[in-house]
Amino acid sequence: MATLATKVDQFIKLRDHKQAAKKAFDTSMARVNDAIEKLEGDILAGLQAEGLKNIKTESGTAYQNTMSTATVKDREAFEEWADQTGNRGAMDIRANKKAIRELLDEGHTVPGVSFTERTTIGVRRS
């Protein structure tokens, strides 16, 4: 039966092997990824030049996909605007896990919040 020390040693060796294999794979894919990126740019430019949202070909369909992000730079100003204009729906509400953990540790209950924790292991080299 393997000891915990043996298992930690095996874990580190396997993790190192996995990282080396991933690095080799990523290196071997650099030219492929560059070519794909160039083709994506060419296809997007072609769609836009022709005023198309998408194009269906024998090989497949290419389409424009717009992804949006909205970042709060001034929380107080944003909250004030949302309150004054009745646009609280423009806000996402999230529980701060650190603050919730501290409140729970102090014996408080926090209505409307579900708090869970999961314990895993980490293994690092000596």
Protein backbone atom coordinates (compact mmCIF):
# COMPACT_ATOMS: atom_id res chain seq x y z
CA MET A 1 0.00 0.00 0.00
CA ALA A 2 1.38 3.38 -1.01
CA THR A 3 2.03 5.91 1.72
CA LEU A 4 0.74 9.46 1.56
CA ALA A 5 4.31 10.62 0.85
CA THR A 6 4.45 8.28 -2.15
CA LYS A 7 1.09 9.53 -3.40
CA VAL A 8 2.19 13.17 -3.12
CA ASP A 9 5.37 12.31 -5.05
CA GLN A 10 3.33 10.56 -7.76
CA PHE A 11 0.90 13.47 -7.91
CA ILE A 12 3.71 15.99 -8.47
CA LYS A 13 5.33 13.82 -11.16
CA LEU A 14 2.03 13.40 -13.02
CA ARG A 15 1.22 17.09 -12.74
CA ASP A 16 4.67 17.99 -14.10
CA HIS A 17 4.20 15.54 -16.98
CA LYS A 18 0.78 17.02 -17.76
CA GLN A 19 2.17 20.59 -17.75
CA ALA A 20 5.06 19.62 -20.04
CA ALA A 21 2.71 17.86 -22.45
CA LYS A 22 0.35 20.85 -22.48
CA LYS A 23 3.24 23.24 -23.13
CA ALA A 24 4.47 21.09 -26.01
CA PHE A 25 0.97 20.89 -27.45
CA ASP A 26 0.38 24.64 -27.10
CA THR A 27 3.70 25.32 -28.83
CA SER A 28 2.84 22.95 -31.66
CA MET A 29 -0.53 24.67 -32.12
CA ALA A 30 0.85 28.24 -32.32
CA ARG A 31 0.91 28.31 -36.15
CA VAL A 32 -2.55 26.74 -36.35
CA ASN A 33 -3.97 29.26 -33.88
CA ASP A 34 -2.36 32.15 -35.76
CA ALA A 35 -3.85 30.90 -39.03
CA ILE A 36 -7.30 30.53 -37.45
CA GLU A 37 -7.09 34.03 -35.99
CA LYS A 38 -6.15 35.48 -39.39
CA LEU A 39 -9.01 33.64 -41.10
CA GLU A 40 -11.47 34.88 -38.46
CA GLY A 41 -10.37 38.44 -39.18
CA ASP A 42 -10.64 37.92 -42.93
CA ILE A 43 -14.12 36.38 -42.67
CA LEU A 44 -15.36 39.15 -40.34
CA ALA A 45 -13.98 41.83 -42.67
CA GLY A 46 -15.63 40.09 -45.63
CA LEU A 47 -19.01 39.87 -43.90
CA GLN A 48 -18.85 43.53 -42.90
CA ALA A 49 -17.71 44.65 -46.36
CA GLU A 50 -20.67 42.86 -47.93
CA GLY A 51 -23.13 44.05 -45.26
CA LEU A 52 -23.88 40.48 -44.17
CA LYS A 53 -24.64 39.21 -40.68
CA ASN A 54 -23.89 35.64 -41.75
CA ILE A 55 -23.07 33.47 -44.72
CA LYS A 56 -23.98 29.84 -45.28
CA THR A 57 -21.56 27.83 -47.38
CA GLU A 58 -21.23 24.20 -48.33
CA SER A 59 -18.65 23.81 -45.57
CA GLY A 60 -20.47 25.69 -42.85
CA THR A 61 -21.97 28.96 -41.70
CA ALA A 62 -20.00 32.00 -40.57
CA TYR A 63 -21.76 34.67 -38.55
CA GLN A 64 -21.00 37.82 -36.63
CA ASN A 65 -21.23 37.44 -32.88
CA THR A 66 -21.23 40.62 -30.77
CA MET A 67 -20.42 40.20 -27.10
CA SER A 68 -20.96 43.10 -24.71
CA THR A 69 -19.58 43.90 -21.28
CA ALA A 70 -20.57 46.63 -18.83
CA THR A 71 -18.19 47.46 -15.99
CA VAL A 72 -19.05 49.67 -13.04
CA LYS A 73 -16.35 52.28 -12.58
CA ASP A 74 -18.11 54.35 -9.89
CA ARG A 75 -20.47 52.25 -7.82
CA GLU A 76 -21.98 55.13 -5.85
CA ALA A 77 -22.75 57.16 -8.98
CA PHE A 78 -24.29 54.13 -10.67
CA GLU A 79 -26.46 53.25 -7.64
CA GLU A 80 -27.58 56.87 -7.31
CA TRP A 81 -28.54 56.99 -11.00
CA ALA A 82 -30.40 53.66 -10.74
CA ASP A 83 -32.35 54.87 -7.68
CA GLN A 84 -33.19 58.28 -9.15
CA THR A 85 -34.32 56.93 -12.52
CA GLY A 86 -36.04 53.78 -11.30
CA ASN A 87 -33.60 51.62 -13.26
CA ARG A 88 -32.52 49.23 -10.49
CA GLY A 89 -33.09 46.45 -13.02
CA ALA A 90 -29.90 47.64 -14.72
CA MET A 91 -27.97 46.36 -11.70
CA ASP A 92 -26.92 42.83 -10.76
CA ILE A 93 -26.93 41.97 -7.09
CA ARG A 94 -24.37 39.49 -5.78
CA ALA A 95 -23.43 38.40 -2.30
CA ASN A 96 -19.85 39.10 -1.23
CA LYS A 97 -18.64 35.66 -0.10
CA LYS A 98 -15.96 37.04 2.24
CA ALA A 99 -18.41 39.36 3.98
CA ILE A 100 -21.04 36.60 4.21
CA ARG A 101 -18.47 34.16 5.67
CA GLU A 102 -17.50 36.76 8.31
CA LEU A 103 -21.16 37.40 9.21
CA LEU A 104 -21.85 33.67 9.51
CA ASP A 105 -18.72 33.21 11.65
CA GLU A 106 -20.08 35.93 13.97
CA GLY A 107 -23.32 33.97 14.33
CA HIS A 108 -25.50 36.14 12.08
CA THR A 109 -28.00 34.77 9.60
CA VAL A 110 -28.23 36.33 6.17
CA PRO A 111 -31.71 35.97 4.67
CA GLY A 112 -31.92 35.19 0.98
CA VAL A 113 -28.32 33.97 0.70
CA SER A 114 -27.19 30.36 0.36
CA PHE A 115 -23.57 29.87 1.44
CA THR A 116 -21.64 26.71 0.68
CA GLU A 117 -17.99 25.76 0.91
CA ARG A 118 -16.11 22.88 -0.66
CA THR A 119 -12.76 21.65 0.57
CA THR A 120 -10.22 20.29 -1.89
CA ILE A 121 -6.49 19.69 -1.64
CA GLY A 122 -3.60 21.56 -3.14
CA VAL A 123 -0.21 19.99 -3.73
CA ARG A 124 2.94 22.04 -4.14
CA ARG A 125 6.56 21.23 -4.60
CA SER A 126 8.89 21.28 -1.58
